[in-house]
Amino acid sequence: MKLDHNQGLDRMTLNDAGLQGARSAEAFALTLPEAYRQRFNPAEIAAHAHIAFKRGDRSVSVGTFPSRESSDYAICVAAPDRPGLLSLISRALNECGYDIDSAEAFRRQVEPPEALDVFWVRSPKNLDAEHIENFAHVLELLVDGALSEHPVVIGPAGADGTTVRFMEGADGGLSVLEVETTDRSGLLYAITRALHRAEVQIVTSQIRTHGTHVFDRFTIEELDGSPISNERRWAIQVAVLSAL
């Protein structure tokens, strides 16, 4: 079922999610960074809230939502936040045959912390309920450790090569890793797997594809929440470059 990205956007409000009190979509949005609330409109937030709240005690919750900004399929994933989660989601998308055009990852300030990751993907097949259920099943197996990890072989970077560098974040620290490279299948999985193996965790991320080029930004920190030291930055850059 191809999503109609304009369907219901004018008439759907936060209250349409059918959630009240502490479980309202408005309260849900307040558990996410300001960048999230600026990025998504009330209809999209309501859809994300519904996907997150329906997870309950399950490992993951997956759903599509109407997006005004892209003709691609828009997928939202809610899961307990943990190091390596974005890598597992990327692998599940890759194994199900979806190419990622763009993505954003956020951390909800709840207890325990929850990740809310949003993807816009291309697919040679219609993204109907059956395909979403299959993706959710593969992802749940990965999150639960029922599927073993294996590397994904990606193509060469192309004539423009690859650039990996640390950029100054909003706090003035060099906690933002920027990757520019040629787009190819399995790219996000390769990057996030390398970061996971380097024993850092992704706090937020922004993935953008323009034509054949990809611009990715990852706000990262050590597993204990401390900043990335000068000594560690070089090793992390090398790890990502080696993966690509």
Protein backbone atom coordinates (compact mmCIF):
# COMPACT_ATOMS: atom_id res chain seq x y z
CA MET A 1 0.00 0.00 0.00
CA LYS A 2 1.69 3.17 -1.17
CA LEU A 3 1.30 5.89 1.42
CA ASP A 4 -0.74 8.96 0.57
CA HIS A 5 1.48 11.54 2.22
CA ASN A 6 -1.25 14.19 2.24
CA GLN A 7 -3.98 11.96 3.61
CA GLY A 8 -5.43 13.33 6.82
CA LEU A 9 -2.66 15.85 7.46
CA ASP A 10 -5.05 18.80 7.58
CA ARG A 11 -7.67 17.17 9.77
CA MET A 12 -5.51 14.99 12.00
CA THR A 13 -4.43 16.67 15.26
CA LEU A 14 -2.69 15.50 18.38
CA ASN A 15 -6.01 14.48 19.89
CA ASP A 16 -6.77 12.15 16.97
CA ALA A 17 -4.32 9.61 18.40
CA GLY A 18 -6.95 8.71 20.97
CA LEU A 19 -4.50 9.21 23.82
CA GLN A 20 -5.28 11.20 26.93
CA GLY A 21 -3.43 12.62 29.92
CA ALA A 22 0.15 11.44 30.31
CA ARG A 23 -0.25 9.25 27.24
CA SER A 24 -1.23 12.07 24.91
CA ALA A 25 0.82 12.77 21.82
CA GLU A 26 1.61 16.19 23.22
CA ALA A 27 3.14 14.64 26.33
CA PHE A 28 4.94 12.16 24.09
CA ALA A 29 6.54 14.98 22.09
CA LEU A 30 7.84 16.60 25.27
CA THR A 31 9.91 13.48 26.00
CA LEU A 32 11.87 14.10 22.78
CA PRO A 33 14.45 16.78 21.90
CA GLU A 34 13.40 20.20 20.68
CA ALA A 35 14.82 19.30 17.26
CA TYR A 36 12.21 16.55 16.98
CA ARG A 37 9.30 18.87 17.79
CA GLN A 38 10.53 21.36 15.21
CA ARG A 39 11.03 18.65 12.60
CA PHE A 40 7.63 16.92 12.67
CA ASN A 41 4.09 18.25 12.45
CA PRO A 42 1.20 17.30 14.80
CA ALA A 43 -0.07 14.55 12.49
CA GLU A 44 3.32 12.89 12.27
CA ILE A 45 3.87 13.22 16.03
CA ALA A 46 0.49 11.63 16.71
CA ALA A 47 1.38 8.71 14.44
CA HIS A 48 4.76 8.26 16.12
CA ALA A 49 3.12 8.37 19.55
CA HIS A 50 0.68 5.65 18.53
CA ILE A 51 3.52 3.45 17.27
CA ALA A 52 5.56 3.99 20.46
CA PHE A 53 2.68 3.44 22.89
CA LYS A 54 1.51 0.24 21.22
CA ARG A 55 4.93 -1.37 21.86
CA GLY A 56 4.05 -2.22 25.45
CA ASP A 57 6.50 -4.87 26.66
CA ARG A 58 7.58 -5.94 23.16
CA SER A 59 11.12 -5.49 21.91
CA VAL A 60 10.10 -3.24 19.01
CA SER A 61 7.12 -1.49 17.50
CA VAL A 62 7.05 -0.60 13.81
CA GLY A 63 4.61 1.35 11.68
CA THR A 64 4.27 3.62 8.67
CA PHE A 65 3.07 7.19 8.87
CA PRO A 66 2.00 9.94 6.43
CA SER A 67 4.87 12.28 5.61
CA ARG A 68 4.50 15.49 3.66
CA GLU A 69 8.15 15.81 2.74
CA SER A 70 8.90 12.74 0.66
CA SER A 71 7.35 10.40 -1.87
CA ASP A 72 9.24 7.52 -0.26
CA TYR A 73 7.82 5.21 2.35
CA ALA A 74 8.02 6.62 5.87
CA ILE A 75 8.71 4.09 8.66
CA CYS A 76 8.90 4.71 12.41
CA VAL A 77 10.58 2.31 14.85
CA ALA A 78 10.29 2.47 18.64
CA ALA A 79 12.50 0.26 20.79
CA PRO A 80 14.42 0.34 24.08
CA ASP A 81 17.48 2.52 23.53
CA ARG A 82 20.76 0.61 23.55
CA PRO A 83 24.15 0.74 21.84
CA GLY A 84 24.01 -0.79 18.37
CA LEU A 85 20.26 -0.42 17.90
CA LEU A 86 20.51 1.78 14.80
CA SER A 87 22.86 -0.78 13.29
CA LEU A 88 20.31 -3.58 13.86
CA ILE A 89 17.49 -1.54 12.32
CA SER A 90 19.66 -0.71 9.31
CA ARG A 91 20.52 -4.36 8.86
CA ALA A 92 16.85 -5.41 9.06
CA LEU A 93 15.92 -2.82 6.42
CA ASN A 94 18.74 -4.03 4.22
CA GLU A 95 17.76 -7.68 4.57
CA CYS A 96 14.17 -6.84 3.70
CA GLY A 97 15.26 -5.10 0.51
CA TYR A 98 14.79 -1.44 1.46
CA ASP A 99 17.25 1.30 0.54
CA ILE A 100 17.40 4.20 2.98
CA ASP A 101 17.05 7.66 1.46
CA SER A 102 17.10 9.53 4.75
CA ALA A 103 16.71 8.86 8.44
CA GLU A 104 16.66 10.52 11.84
CA ALA A 105 17.23 8.94 15.24
CA PHE A 106 16.18 10.38 18.59
CA ARG A 107 16.31 9.36 22.24
CA ARG A 108 13.19 9.72 24.39
CA GLN A 109 13.77 10.95 27.94
CA VAL A 110 11.73 8.26 29.66
CA GLU A 111 12.67 5.46 32.05
CA PRO A 112 13.99 3.21 30.68
CA PRO A 113 15.16 5.35 27.70
CA GLU A 114 13.49 4.62 24.38
CA ALA A 115 14.78 5.18 20.87
CA LEU A 116 12.52 6.65 18.21
CA ASP A 117 14.02 6.18 14.75
CA VAL A 118 12.41 7.41 11.54
CA PHE A 119 13.34 6.22 8.04
CA TRP A 120 12.34 7.19 4.53
CA VAL A 121 13.04 4.20 2.30
CA ARG A 122 12.83 3.10 -1.31
CA SER A 123 11.52 -0.34 -2.12
CA PRO A 124 10.91 -2.31 -5.34
CA LYS A 125 7.73 -3.67 -3.76
CA ASN A 126 4.69 -2.09 -2.17
CA LEU A 127 5.12 -1.52 1.52
CA ASP A 128 1.89 -3.10 2.70
CA ALA A 129 0.98 -4.46 6.13
CA GLU A 130 2.51 -7.86 5.35
CA HIS A 131 5.89 -6.37 4.44
CA ILE A 132 5.88 -4.15 7.52
CA GLU A 133 5.09 -7.18 9.69
CA ASN A 134 7.96 -9.10 8.08
CA PHE A 135 10.38 -6.23 8.70
CA ALA A 136 9.20 -5.98 12.32
CA HIS A 137 9.71 -9.73 12.75
CA VAL A 138 13.26 -9.65 11.36
CA LEU A 139 14.10 -6.65 13.53
CA GLU A 140 12.66 -8.28 16.64
CA LEU A 141 14.80 -11.38 16.04
CA LEU A 142 17.88 -9.18 15.70
CA VAL A 143 17.11 -7.15 18.82
CA ASP A 144 16.44 -10.33 20.81
CA GLY A 145 19.70 -11.89 19.59
CA ALA A 146 18.01 -14.72 17.70
CA LEU A 147 19.84 -13.87 14.45
CA SER A 148 23.62 -13.84 14.30
CA GLU A 149 25.51 -10.77 13.14
CA HIS A 150 27.25 -10.78 9.78
CA PRO A 151 28.91 -8.06 7.69
CA VAL A 152 27.22 -6.54 4.66
CA VAL A 153 29.38 -6.15 1.57
CA ILE A 154 29.00 -2.69 0.05
CA GLY A 155 30.36 -1.31 -3.19
CA PRO A 156 33.30 1.08 -3.67
CA ALA A 157 33.00 4.70 -2.63
CA GLY A 158 33.24 6.06 -6.17
CA ALA A 159 35.36 8.80 -7.70
CA ASP A 160 34.62 11.36 -4.96
CA GLY A 161 35.82 9.04 -2.21
CA THR A 162 34.75 9.23 1.43
CA THR A 163 35.22 11.92 4.08
CA VAL A 164 34.88 11.19 7.80
CA ARG A 165 35.43 14.06 10.24
CA PHE A 166 34.36 15.35 13.64
CA MET A 167 32.36 18.58 13.69
CA GLU A 168 31.56 20.96 16.53
CA GLY A 169 28.21 20.18 18.13
CA ALA A 170 25.67 22.51 19.71
CA ASP A 171 27.54 22.24 23.02
CA GLY A 172 30.79 23.36 21.43
CA GLY A 173 32.35 19.91 21.73
CA LEU A 174 33.51 17.69 18.89
CA SER A 175 30.82 15.08 19.41
CA VAL A 176 29.30 15.11 15.91
CA LEU A 177 30.74 12.69 13.37
CA GLU A 178 30.07 13.66 9.75
CA VAL A 179 30.34 11.15 6.91
CA GLU A 180 30.16 12.06 3.22
CA THR A 181 30.34 9.27 0.69
CA THR A 182 28.73 7.67 -2.35
CA ASP A 183 25.33 6.10 -1.79
CA ARG A 184 25.12 2.32 -2.02
CA SER A 185 23.10 -0.50 -0.52
CA GLY A 186 23.94 -1.40 3.08
CA LEU A 187 25.80 1.87 3.71
CA LEU A 188 24.05 2.92 6.93
CA TYR A 189 24.43 -0.57 8.36
CA ALA A 190 28.17 -0.52 7.62
CA ILE A 191 28.64 2.86 9.33
CA THR A 192 26.52 2.12 12.39
CA ARG A 193 28.04 -1.34 12.80
CA ALA A 194 31.51 0.23 12.76
CA LEU A 195 30.46 2.74 15.42
CA HIS A 196 28.99 -0.02 17.56
CA ARG A 197 32.16 -2.09 17.26
CA ALA A 198 34.14 1.03 18.23
CA GLU A 199 32.10 0.96 21.46
CA VAL A 200 30.35 4.30 21.14
CA GLN A 201 26.64 4.99 21.20
CA ILE A 202 24.62 7.16 18.86
CA VAL A 203 22.53 9.81 20.60
CA THR A 204 20.97 11.36 17.48
CA SER A 205 21.56 11.00 13.77
CA GLN A 206 20.59 12.62 10.50
CA ILE A 207 20.96 10.77 7.20
CA ARG A 208 20.42 12.58 3.91
CA THR A 209 20.80 11.34 0.33
CA HIS A 210 21.21 13.82 -2.52
CA GLY A 211 21.40 12.08 -5.86
CA THR A 212 24.25 9.58 -5.57
CA HIS A 213 25.82 11.22 -2.53
CA VAL A 214 25.11 10.67 1.16
CA PHE A 215 25.59 13.16 4.00
CA ASP A 216 25.33 11.56 7.45
CA ARG A 217 25.72 13.21 10.86
CA PHE A 218 25.92 11.25 14.11
CA THR A 219 26.01 12.75 17.59
CA ILE A 220 27.93 10.14 19.56
CA GLU A 221 29.22 9.56 23.07
CA GLU A 222 31.03 6.87 25.02
CA LEU A 223 28.95 4.00 26.38
CA ASP A 224 29.01 5.58 29.83
CA GLY A 225 27.72 8.89 28.45
CA SER A 226 31.05 10.71 28.59
CA PRO A 227 32.38 12.82 25.68
CA ILE A 228 34.61 11.34 23.00
CA SER A 229 38.24 12.09 23.90
CA ASN A 230 40.81 13.45 21.44
CA GLU A 231 42.62 10.11 21.48
CA ARG A 232 39.47 8.19 20.60
CA ARG A 233 38.38 10.37 17.68
CA TRP A 234 41.12 9.19 15.38
CA ALA A 235 40.39 5.51 16.10
CA ILE A 236 36.68 6.05 15.43
CA GLN A 237 37.36 7.82 12.14
CA VAL A 238 39.65 5.00 11.03
CA ALA A 239 37.04 2.39 12.00
CA VAL A 240 34.35 4.07 9.89
CA LEU A 241 36.68 4.64 6.94
CA SER A 242 37.77 1.00 7.06
CA ALA A 243 34.14 -0.13 7.01
CA LEU A 244 33.48 1.95 3.90
